[in-house]
Amino acid sequence: MATVLPSIESALPKNRSLFYDGKWQTPSAGQWRETINPGNGKAIDKILQASASDVDAAVTTAHKAFLTWKTTAPGQRAAHLRNAANVLRDNAKELALLDALNTGNPVAEMLSDANVAAANLDYFAGLIPMLKGETIPVSDESFHYTLREPLGVVARIVAFNHPVMFAGAKLAAPLAAGNTVIIKPPDQAPLSCLRLAEILADVFPPGVVNVLPGGVECGKALSTHPLVKKVTLIGSVPTGKAIQRAAADSLKPTLLELGGKNALIAFPDANLEKLVEGVAKGMNFTWAGQSCGSTSRVFLHERLHDEVLQKVTKFVQEHFRPGVPTEMSTTMGPVINKQAHDRVLGYIESAKQEGAKLVVGGKPPTENADIQGGFFIEPTIFADVQPTMRIAKEEIFGPVMSVFKWRDEEELLTMVNATEYGLTASIYSENLATAHSTAKKVEAGYIWINQVGRHFLNVPFGGVKESGLGREESFDELLSFTQTKSVNVNLAR
């Protein structure tokens, strides 16, 4: 049965301002930012922006709400989260349509995003009873125990590639732990987060969930405000470092999921059918390679290199074709804006100049008149890539795959680990001993074996090196939004 989407007009949020203290607020400075449709390059609307004074007002009310929310019974908190999960599921189509319109990602692939967020809300609701302390035996004349307590106001800054999935999912752990949350939507694509605020307005008490669209000023104010007790980011390494520096003055903890230059390693005994599909899908061409976890560096053993490269090229050409993001038949979207478009084309040109072999793509598509004006780039594959090339070292965040040929395993691992990033990696081998051994040697926080791209709730996700700090999607994430208090009782008479 064909999926019937709502109209774009009915899906758009009715409000374009700031949501805090349970209501829509007009920012003090009245500044606007235009948000565009990357599929055609045209403006959708203007969004009001939060200034530092607006952040102060929102944080103050969120802190006031925290004083009550933290004492809310665990069962009641869980009920709020589960109610929010159901609301997200009920509105999944309109949220997917908004993200397709505002990010350019194909709507058919975005339909699951609200459900992923809902699954996170349900998961963390179920973990709330596990937030408990311990008793510590010391002597018969004393009693010692610990408490798990929430931090306070948490700021969560989310990325543009999956706005509603990130915003909805990242509410879950801090709320479950008893914190209040301020979501800062992505500058480039805030519409679904504003709609999220509308549909959750009556789900949580005023001040518990807040949404502040804004730019650098908003992000900096959240990172430095004394009543914000933790700041998290899904975004770039430079932005993560800026937040870390801003949070340092108040010794604020951070949780950062940053960039990736992720490797897919194929051993000569790999299952070719699974490998070809994994190489093609691991690049996330669907959303134009705009994913921190994309396996953009592909290391093929020389015995299978030529055959796999040929089959991957065919697979990509057949399965990823740029089209109008809001149409269900579209299988590949644009990059987010003109700046990104120019940056990716610059990387493609540098690869040619440095001697990489262009196998397919490498330019904006021209055959589809419906997408002219959008920021589209064909799915692009380069072979004969060398470790010293820019496309081998720097995160492109676009639809560009780099393919390496390898022979010696020690040299392979040197190339794989010769990057400042360490988010994900994928290993293809029918020999599990080889796969497990390689997984230990690869410097990355999340490893797939004979698969790509999947996340599993309850399995900690996060990076090493400059790909981030902390772990999410697991009990570790929940604990990271708490602090331990030790209580020592004198029982001596």
Protein backbone atom coordinates (compact mmCIF):
# COMPACT_ATOMS: atom_id res chain seq x y z
CA MET A 1 0.00 0.00 0.00
CA ALA A 2 1.42 3.35 -1.05
CA THR A 3 2.36 5.82 1.68
CA VAL A 4 0.16 8.92 1.64
CA LEU A 5 1.93 12.03 2.88
CA PRO A 6 0.25 15.14 4.25
CA SER A 7 0.53 18.39 2.33
CA ILE A 8 3.59 20.52 2.99
CA GLU A 9 1.37 23.42 4.06
CA SER A 10 -0.35 21.34 6.74
CA ALA A 11 2.95 19.96 8.02
CA LEU A 12 4.72 23.29 8.48
CA PRO A 13 4.94 24.55 12.07
CA LYS A 14 2.58 27.38 12.91
CA ASN A 15 5.23 29.08 15.05
CA ARG A 16 8.59 30.48 13.95
CA SER A 17 9.86 31.77 17.29
CA LEU A 18 11.26 30.46 20.59
CA PHE A 19 9.62 27.85 22.81
CA TYR A 20 10.35 27.94 26.52
CA ASP A 21 8.45 27.97 29.81
CA GLY A 22 5.70 26.05 28.04
CA LYS A 23 4.82 28.77 25.53
CA TRP A 24 6.00 30.55 22.39
CA GLN A 25 8.08 33.63 23.09
CA THR A 26 9.18 36.57 20.94
CA PRO A 27 12.97 37.06 21.05
CA SER A 28 14.29 40.29 22.54
CA ALA A 29 16.25 41.38 19.46
CA GLY A 30 13.75 40.26 16.82
CA GLN A 31 16.46 38.85 14.54
CA TRP A 32 15.47 36.43 11.75
CA ARG A 33 17.32 33.79 9.76
CA GLU A 34 16.11 32.51 6.42
CA THR A 35 15.74 28.76 6.10
CA ILE A 36 15.87 27.20 2.63
CA ASN A 37 14.88 24.12 0.71
CA PRO A 38 18.17 22.53 -0.48
CA GLY A 39 16.22 20.68 -3.16
CA ASN A 40 15.62 23.87 -5.12
CA GLY A 41 17.67 26.53 -3.34
CA LYS A 42 14.58 28.62 -2.54
CA ALA A 43 13.65 30.19 0.78
CA ILE A 44 10.93 28.47 2.81
CA ASP A 45 10.51 30.99 5.61
CA LYS A 46 12.29 33.15 8.17
CA ILE A 47 12.91 31.87 11.68
CA LEU A 48 13.32 34.09 14.73
CA GLN A 49 16.68 33.69 16.47
CA ALA A 50 17.52 33.49 20.17
CA SER A 51 20.01 36.01 21.52
CA ALA A 52 22.09 35.69 24.70
CA SER A 53 19.37 37.45 26.70
CA ASP A 54 16.77 35.00 25.36
CA VAL A 55 19.00 32.10 26.35
CA ASP A 56 19.25 33.54 29.86
CA ALA A 57 15.46 33.80 30.13
CA ALA A 58 14.96 30.24 28.82
CA VAL A 59 17.63 28.74 31.07
CA THR A 60 16.21 30.50 34.11
CA THR A 61 12.75 29.05 33.52
CA ALA A 62 14.20 25.62 32.69
CA HIS A 63 16.12 25.66 35.98
CA LYS A 64 12.94 26.56 37.86
CA ALA A 65 11.16 23.66 36.15
CA PHE A 66 14.07 21.36 37.03
CA LEU A 67 13.49 21.90 40.76
CA THR A 68 10.08 20.25 40.38
CA TRP A 69 10.84 17.78 37.56
CA LYS A 70 13.71 16.18 39.47
CA THR A 71 11.31 15.27 42.30
CA THR A 72 8.69 13.81 39.95
CA ALA A 73 8.20 10.13 40.70
CA PRO A 74 10.11 7.79 38.36
CA GLY A 75 6.91 6.19 37.12
CA GLN A 76 5.43 9.57 36.25
CA ARG A 77 8.56 10.63 34.38
CA ALA A 78 8.45 7.38 32.43
CA ALA A 79 4.80 7.99 31.55
CA HIS A 80 5.66 11.42 30.15
CA LEU A 81 8.42 9.93 27.99
CA ARG A 82 6.19 7.15 26.69
CA ASN A 83 3.46 9.65 25.89
CA ALA A 84 6.01 11.71 23.93
CA ALA A 85 7.05 8.57 22.04
CA ASN A 86 3.45 7.93 20.99
CA VAL A 87 3.03 11.55 19.85
CA LEU A 88 6.14 11.24 17.68
CA ARG A 89 4.87 8.05 16.08
CA ASP A 90 1.49 9.65 15.40
CA ASN A 91 3.18 12.55 13.61
CA ALA A 92 5.96 10.61 11.87
CA LYS A 93 4.83 11.40 8.31
CA GLU A 94 4.60 15.17 8.71
CA LEU A 95 7.92 15.28 10.58
CA ALA A 96 9.57 13.25 7.81
CA LEU A 97 8.13 15.58 5.20
CA LEU A 98 9.43 18.65 7.04
CA ASP A 99 12.92 17.18 7.29
CA ALA A 100 12.87 16.23 3.61
CA LEU A 101 11.84 19.78 2.72
CA ASN A 102 14.39 21.45 5.00
CA THR A 103 17.39 19.06 4.80
CA GLY A 104 16.96 17.61 1.32
CA ASN A 105 17.06 14.03 2.56
CA PRO A 106 14.59 11.78 0.68
CA VAL A 107 11.26 11.60 2.47
CA ALA A 108 10.92 7.83 2.02
CA GLU A 109 14.10 7.33 4.02
CA MET A 110 13.14 9.92 6.65
CA LEU A 111 9.89 8.20 7.60
CA SER A 112 11.70 6.07 10.17
CA ASP A 113 13.40 8.99 11.94
CA ALA A 114 10.51 9.89 14.26
CA ASN A 115 10.11 6.21 15.10
CA VAL A 116 13.81 5.96 15.99
CA ALA A 117 13.37 8.93 18.30
CA ALA A 118 10.27 7.31 19.81
CA ALA A 119 12.18 4.07 20.40
CA ASN A 120 14.81 6.03 22.33
CA LEU A 121 12.14 7.65 24.49
CA ASP A 122 10.61 4.26 25.28
CA TYR A 123 14.03 2.71 25.94
CA PHE A 124 15.14 5.35 28.42
CA ALA A 125 11.72 5.41 30.08
CA GLY A 126 12.27 1.73 30.82
CA LEU A 127 15.71 2.39 32.28
CA ILE A 128 14.56 4.94 34.84
CA PRO A 129 14.23 2.35 37.66
CA MET A 130 17.91 1.48 37.13
CA LEU A 131 18.97 4.93 38.34
CA LYS A 132 19.76 3.82 41.84
CA GLY A 133 22.60 4.08 44.28
CA GLU A 134 24.58 1.49 46.18
CA THR A 135 25.21 0.55 49.78
CA ILE A 136 28.87 0.26 50.76
CA PRO A 137 29.95 -1.93 53.69
CA VAL A 138 32.61 -0.26 55.84
CA SER A 139 31.97 -1.15 59.50
CA ASP A 140 29.19 -2.04 61.93
CA GLU A 141 29.29 1.50 63.31
CA SER A 142 28.51 3.25 60.06
CA PHE A 143 26.21 3.07 57.07
CA HIS A 144 27.31 4.34 53.66
CA TYR A 145 25.25 4.70 50.52
CA THR A 146 25.19 6.61 47.24
CA LEU A 147 22.47 8.45 45.35
CA ARG A 148 22.16 9.10 41.62
CA GLU A 149 21.00 12.67 41.09
CA PRO A 150 20.26 14.69 37.94
CA LEU A 151 22.53 17.55 36.87
CA GLY A 152 20.07 20.36 36.10
CA VAL A 153 19.51 22.13 32.79
CA VAL A 154 21.02 20.29 29.80
CA ALA A 155 21.64 21.93 26.42
CA ARG A 156 21.52 19.60 23.42
CA ILE A 157 22.75 21.04 20.11
CA VAL A 158 21.67 18.85 17.20
CA ALA A 159 22.87 18.40 13.61
CA PHE A 160 21.10 19.18 10.34
CA ASN A 161 21.19 15.74 8.73
CA HIS A 162 18.47 14.17 10.93
CA PRO A 163 16.96 17.01 12.97
CA VAL A 164 13.83 15.45 14.41
CA MET A 165 15.48 12.08 15.04
CA PHE A 166 18.32 13.72 16.94
CA ALA A 167 16.11 16.21 18.80
CA GLY A 168 13.56 13.60 19.85
CA ALA A 169 16.08 10.91 20.74
CA LYS A 170 18.39 13.26 22.62
CA LEU A 171 15.57 14.44 24.87
CA ALA A 172 15.20 10.94 26.25
CA ALA A 173 18.19 10.26 28.50
CA PRO A 174 18.45 13.63 30.27
CA LEU A 175 14.67 13.79 30.85
CA ALA A 176 14.63 10.23 32.15
CA ALA A 177 17.36 11.13 34.63
CA GLY A 178 15.36 14.11 35.93
CA ASN A 179 17.01 16.96 34.02
CA THR A 180 15.29 19.64 31.97
CA VAL A 181 16.41 20.14 28.36
CA ILE A 182 16.95 22.96 25.90
CA ILE A 183 17.18 21.82 22.28
CA LYS A 184 19.07 24.07 19.88
CA PRO A 185 17.90 23.08 16.39
CA PRO A 186 20.34 23.13 13.47
CA ASP A 187 20.70 26.60 11.95
CA GLN A 188 20.15 25.18 8.47
CA ALA A 189 17.06 23.07 9.18
CA PRO A 190 15.01 24.10 12.23
CA LEU A 191 11.47 23.44 10.97
CA SER A 192 10.91 19.92 12.31
CA CYS A 193 12.27 20.88 15.74
CA LEU A 194 9.78 23.76 15.91
CA ARG A 195 7.00 21.36 14.96
CA LEU A 196 8.30 18.95 17.62
CA ALA A 197 7.93 21.71 20.21
CA GLU A 198 4.33 22.26 19.08
CA ILE A 199 3.28 18.62 19.35
CA LEU A 200 5.05 18.09 22.69
CA ALA A 201 3.82 21.35 24.25
CA ASP A 202 1.16 19.60 26.33
CA VAL A 203 3.13 16.43 27.02
CA PHE A 204 5.61 17.80 29.56
CA PRO A 205 5.21 20.42 32.31
CA PRO A 206 6.20 23.97 31.32
CA GLY A 207 9.95 24.50 31.17
CA VAL A 208 10.90 20.82 31.01
CA VAL A 209 11.35 20.76 27.20
CA ASN A 210 12.46 23.92 25.42
CA VAL A 211 13.48 24.71 21.83
CA LEU A 212 15.66 27.71 20.98
CA PRO A 213 16.51 28.29 17.30
CA GLY A 214 19.59 30.45 16.95
CA GLY A 215 23.08 30.83 15.61
CA VAL A 216 26.54 31.11 17.11
CA GLU A 217 25.43 33.59 19.79
CA CYS A 218 22.78 31.16 21.03
CA GLY A 219 25.18 28.21 21.09
CA LYS A 220 27.86 30.16 22.92
CA ALA A 221 25.38 31.46 25.50
CA LEU A 222 24.15 27.93 26.20
CA SER A 223 27.73 26.69 26.55
CA THR A 224 28.72 29.39 29.04
CA HIS A 225 25.56 29.92 31.09
CA PRO A 226 26.20 29.00 34.75
CA LEU A 227 22.82 27.28 35.15
CA VAL A 228 23.41 24.99 32.15
CA LYS A 229 25.07 21.98 33.73
CA LYS A 230 25.94 19.99 30.61
CA VAL A 231 26.26 20.72 26.88
CA THR A 232 26.08 18.12 24.14
CA LEU A 233 26.66 18.35 20.41
CA ILE A 234 26.24 16.33 17.26
CA GLY A 235 28.32 18.27 14.77
CA SER A 236 31.74 19.13 13.41
CA VAL A 237 35.09 18.90 15.16
CA PRO A 238 35.69 22.70 15.08
CA THR A 239 32.27 23.33 16.65
CA GLY A 240 32.91 20.64 19.25
CA LYS A 241 36.22 22.20 20.21
CA ALA A 242 34.59 25.64 20.45
CA ILE A 243 31.93 24.25 22.80
CA GLN A 244 34.57 22.46 24.87
CA ARG A 245 36.51 25.70 25.27
CA ALA A 246 33.38 27.69 26.14
CA ALA A 247 32.26 25.10 28.69
CA ALA A 248 35.70 24.90 30.33
CA ASP A 249 35.39 28.14 32.33
CA SER A 250 32.54 26.69 34.37
CA LEU A 251 33.93 23.12 34.28
CA LYS A 252 30.80 22.00 32.44
CA PRO A 253 30.86 18.38 31.26
CA THR A 254 30.23 17.80 27.56
CA LEU A 255 29.08 14.92 25.38
CA LEU A 256 30.28 15.25 21.79
CA GLU A 257 29.57 13.17 18.69
CA LEU A 258 31.78 14.76 16.06
CA GLY A 259 33.14 14.02 12.61
CA GLY A 260 34.37 10.83 11.04
CA LYS A 261 36.66 9.64 8.26
CA ASN A 262 35.56 6.08 8.61
CA ALA A 263 37.13 3.01 7.06
CA LEU A 264 35.55 -0.03 5.45
CA ILE A 265 38.09 -2.86 5.30
CA ALA A 266 37.54 -5.77 2.91
CA PHE A 267 39.63 -8.92 3.30
CA PRO A 268 40.06 -11.27 0.34
CA ASP A 269 37.71 -13.87 1.84
CA ALA A 270 34.78 -11.42 2.16
CA ASN A 271 31.35 -12.42 0.87
CA LEU A 272 31.27 -10.40 -2.37
CA GLU A 273 27.52 -9.86 -2.52
CA LYS A 274 27.35 -8.53 1.04
CA LEU A 275 30.51 -6.52 0.50
CA VAL A 276 29.30 -4.76 -2.63
CA GLU A 277 26.04 -3.76 -0.97
CA GLY A 278 27.88 -2.71 2.20
CA VAL A 279 30.39 -0.53 0.35
CA ALA A 280 27.61 1.22 -1.57
CA LYS A 281 25.22 1.69 1.35
CA GLY A 282 27.87 2.48 3.95
CA MET A 283 28.68 5.72 2.13
CA ASN A 284 25.14 6.99 2.86
CA PHE A 285 24.68 8.35 -0.66
CA THR A 286 20.95 8.58 0.16
CA TRP A 287 21.61 11.72 2.19
CA ALA A 288 24.49 12.79 -0.04
CA GLY A 289 27.12 11.35 2.27
CA GLN A 290 26.14 13.76 5.05
CA SER A 291 26.58 11.38 7.96
CA CYS A 292 29.36 11.29 10.54
CA GLY A 293 29.30 7.50 10.38
CA SER A 294 29.68 7.14 6.59
CA THR A 295 32.38 4.66 5.57
CA SER A 296 33.92 7.07 3.07
CA ARG A 297 37.33 5.33 2.93
CA VAL A 298 37.08 1.88 1.36
CA PHE A 299 40.10 -0.44 1.58
CA LEU A 300 39.79 -3.34 -0.90
CA HIS A 301 42.32 -6.15 -0.97
CA GLU A 302 44.07 -6.33 -4.34
CA ARG A 303 42.62 -9.79 -5.10
CA LEU A 304 39.05 -8.46 -5.16
CA HIS A 305 39.60 -4.74 -5.79
CA ASP A 306 38.75 -4.55 -9.50
CA GLU A 307 35.69 -6.80 -9.38
CA VAL A 308 34.22 -5.12 -6.30
CA LEU A 309 34.87 -1.62 -7.62
CA GLN A 310 33.08 -2.46 -10.86
CA LYS A 311 30.08 -3.96 -9.06
CA VAL A 312 29.87 -1.14 -6.52
CA THR A 313 29.88 1.41 -9.33
CA LYS A 314 27.01 -0.38 -11.02
CA PHE A 315 25.08 -0.70 -7.74
CA VAL A 316 25.49 3.01 -6.98
CA GLN A 317 24.37 4.07 -10.45
CA GLU A 318 21.28 1.87 -10.21
CA HIS A 319 20.22 2.70 -6.65
CA PHE A 320 21.15 6.34 -5.94
CA ARG A 321 19.68 8.91 -8.28
CA PRO A 322 19.21 12.53 -7.20
CA GLY A 323 15.59 13.65 -7.17
CA VAL A 324 13.03 15.91 -5.51
CA PRO A 325 13.40 15.25 -1.76
CA THR A 326 9.68 15.34 -0.96
CA GLU A 327 8.78 12.67 -3.54
CA MET A 328 8.57 9.08 -2.32
CA SER A 329 10.45 7.74 -5.36
CA THR A 330 13.61 9.77 -4.68
CA THR A 331 16.66 7.79 -3.59
CA MET A 332 19.26 10.54 -3.16
CA GLY A 333 19.10 14.11 -1.92
CA PRO A 334 21.29 17.23 -2.16
CA VAL A 335 23.87 18.61 0.23
CA ILE A 336 22.51 21.11 2.72
CA ASN A 337 23.42 24.47 1.12
CA LYS A 338 25.55 26.30 -1.44
CA GLN A 339 28.51 26.54 0.91
CA ALA A 340 28.52 22.76 1.28
CA HIS A 341 28.00 22.32 -2.46
CA ASP A 342 31.02 24.48 -3.26
CA ARG A 343 33.12 22.76 -0.60
CA VAL A 344 32.40 19.25 -1.89
CA LEU A 345 33.07 20.24 -5.51
CA GLY A 346 36.35 21.74 -4.30
CA TYR A 347 37.35 18.39 -2.80
CA ILE A 348 36.46 16.63 -6.05
CA GLU A 349 38.65 19.02 -8.01
CA SER A 350 41.54 18.58 -5.57
CA ALA A 351 41.29 14.79 -5.93
CA LYS A 352 41.60 15.07 -9.69
CA GLN A 353 44.58 17.38 -9.39
CA GLU A 354 46.30 15.05 -6.91
CA GLY A 355 45.97 12.07 -9.26
CA ALA A 356 43.00 10.10 -7.98
CA LYS A 357 41.01 8.29 -10.66
CA LEU A 358 37.40 9.46 -11.04
CA VAL A 359 35.32 6.32 -11.52
CA VAL A 360 31.83 7.82 -11.52
CA GLY A 361 30.09 11.11 -10.73
CA GLY A 362 32.08 14.16 -9.82
CA LYS A 363 29.66 16.89 -10.92
CA PRO A 364 26.16 18.29 -10.40
CA PRO A 365 23.48 16.24 -12.22
CA THR A 366 21.94 17.87 -15.28
CA GLU A 367 19.42 15.38 -16.66
CA ASN A 368 16.57 16.06 -14.18
CA ALA A 369 14.94 19.46 -14.75
CA ASP A 370 12.93 19.14 -11.52
CA ILE A 371 16.04 19.54 -9.35
CA GLN A 372 17.75 22.42 -11.09
CA GLY A 373 18.66 25.11 -8.58
CA GLY A 374 19.13 22.53 -5.82
CA PHE A 375 22.49 21.67 -4.29
CA PHE A 376 22.88 18.25 -5.86
CA ILE A 377 26.09 16.36 -6.62
CA GLU A 378 26.21 12.99 -8.33
CA PRO A 379 27.33 10.02 -6.22
CA THR A 380 31.09 10.12 -6.69
CA ILE A 381 33.72 7.37 -6.43
CA PHE A 382 37.48 7.85 -6.70
CA ALA A 383 39.94 4.97 -7.07
CA ASP A 384 43.75 4.92 -6.81
CA VAL A 385 43.48 7.15 -3.73
CA GLN A 386 46.68 7.69 -1.78
CA PRO A 387 46.87 8.42 1.98
CA THR A 388 48.44 11.84 1.40
CA MET A 389 45.54 13.16 -0.68
CA ARG A 390 43.06 15.62 0.87
CA ILE A 391 40.11 13.33 0.16
CA ALA A 392 41.91 10.61 2.13
CA LYS A 393 42.52 12.75 5.21
CA GLU A 394 39.75 15.33 5.60
CA GLU A 395 36.07 14.84 6.31
CA ILE A 396 34.22 15.91 3.17
CA PHE A 397 30.66 15.42 4.46
CA GLY A 398 29.43 14.89 0.94
CA PRO A 399 28.81 12.07 -1.57
CA VAL A 400 32.46 11.25 -2.25
CA MET A 401 33.93 7.78 -1.69
CA SER A 402 37.67 7.11 -1.69
CA VAL A 403 38.82 3.60 -2.67
CA PHE A 404 42.25 2.24 -1.72
CA LYS A 405 43.93 -0.96 -2.87
CA TRP A 406 45.90 -2.89 -0.25
CA ARG A 407 48.13 -5.95 -0.03
CA ASP A 408 49.97 -5.96 3.31
CA GLU A 409 47.86 -6.02 6.50
CA GLU A 410 50.32 -4.02 8.58
CA GLU A 411 50.41 -1.26 5.95
CA LEU A 412 46.63 -1.42 5.74
CA LEU A 413 46.19 -0.74 9.46
CA THR A 414 48.68 2.11 9.31
CA MET A 415 46.60 3.75 6.58
CA VAL A 416 43.31 3.07 8.37
CA ASN A 417 44.51 4.64 11.61
CA ALA A 418 46.36 7.55 9.98
CA THR A 419 43.60 10.04 10.76
CA GLU A 420 42.59 12.23 13.68
CA TYR A 421 39.10 10.76 13.50
CA GLY A 422 37.83 7.55 15.09
CA LEU A 423 34.05 7.24 14.99
CA THR A 424 33.10 4.07 13.10
CA ALA A 425 34.63 1.34 10.96
CA SER A 426 33.40 -1.70 9.09
CA ILE A 427 35.25 -4.99 8.53
CA TYR A 428 34.27 -7.61 5.94
CA SER A 429 35.70 -11.12 6.33
CA GLU A 430 34.26 -14.61 6.52
CA ASN A 431 36.97 -15.47 9.05
CA LEU A 432 35.70 -14.24 12.42
CA ALA A 433 39.14 -14.56 13.98
CA THR A 434 40.47 -12.13 11.38
CA ALA A 435 37.53 -9.80 11.89
CA HIS A 436 37.80 -9.78 15.70
CA SER A 437 41.55 -9.29 15.59
CA THR A 438 41.21 -6.38 13.18
CA ALA A 439 38.45 -4.80 15.27
CA LYS A 440 40.86 -4.60 18.21
CA LYS A 441 43.49 -2.86 16.08
CA VAL A 442 41.27 -0.27 14.40
CA GLU A 443 41.12 3.05 16.26
CA ALA A 444 37.37 3.68 16.25
CA GLY A 445 34.61 3.69 18.84
CA TYR A 446 31.96 1.69 16.94
CA ILE A 447 32.81 -1.27 14.71
CA TRP A 448 30.60 -3.23 12.34
CA ILE A 449 31.56 -6.70 11.12
CA ASN A 450 30.01 -7.84 7.84
CA GLN A 451 27.50 -4.98 7.96
CA VAL A 452 27.39 -1.18 7.86
CA GLY A 453 25.48 1.74 9.26
CA ARG A 454 23.17 0.13 11.80
CA HIS A 455 22.73 1.43 15.34
CA PHE A 456 21.49 -0.82 18.12
CA LEU A 457 19.79 0.59 21.19
CA ASN A 458 21.61 -0.55 24.35
CA VAL A 459 24.96 -0.74 22.50
CA PRO A 460 27.10 2.34 23.38
CA PHE A 461 27.74 4.61 20.39
CA GLY A 462 30.52 7.19 20.24
CA GLY A 463 33.96 8.00 18.92
CA VAL A 464 37.60 8.15 19.95
CA LYS A 465 40.31 10.68 19.10
CA GLU A 466 38.73 13.81 17.60
CA SER A 467 35.45 12.06 16.83
CA GLY A 468 34.05 12.88 20.22
CA LEU A 469 33.65 12.29 23.92
CA GLY A 470 31.19 10.04 25.73
CA ARG A 471 28.76 7.32 24.69
CA GLU A 472 25.10 7.43 23.73
CA GLU A 473 22.17 5.13 22.91
CA SER A 474 22.84 3.06 26.02
CA PHE A 475 22.77 2.95 29.83
CA ASP A 476 26.09 4.82 29.71
CA GLU A 477 24.28 7.82 28.24
CA LEU A 478 21.68 7.80 31.01
CA LEU A 479 24.34 7.68 33.72
CA SER A 480 26.21 10.56 32.07
CA PHE A 481 23.30 12.87 32.92
CA THR A 482 23.57 12.08 36.62
CA GLN A 483 26.05 12.71 39.40
CA THR A 484 26.86 10.56 42.42
CA LYS A 485 26.25 11.76 45.96
CA SER A 486 27.72 9.78 48.86
CA VAL A 487 25.96 9.72 52.25
CA ASN A 488 27.77 8.53 55.39
CA VAL A 489 25.75 7.76 58.53
CA ASN A 490 27.28 7.36 61.98
CA LEU A 491 25.60 4.46 63.80
CA ALA A 492 27.90 4.43 66.81
CA ARG A 493 26.16 4.82 70.21
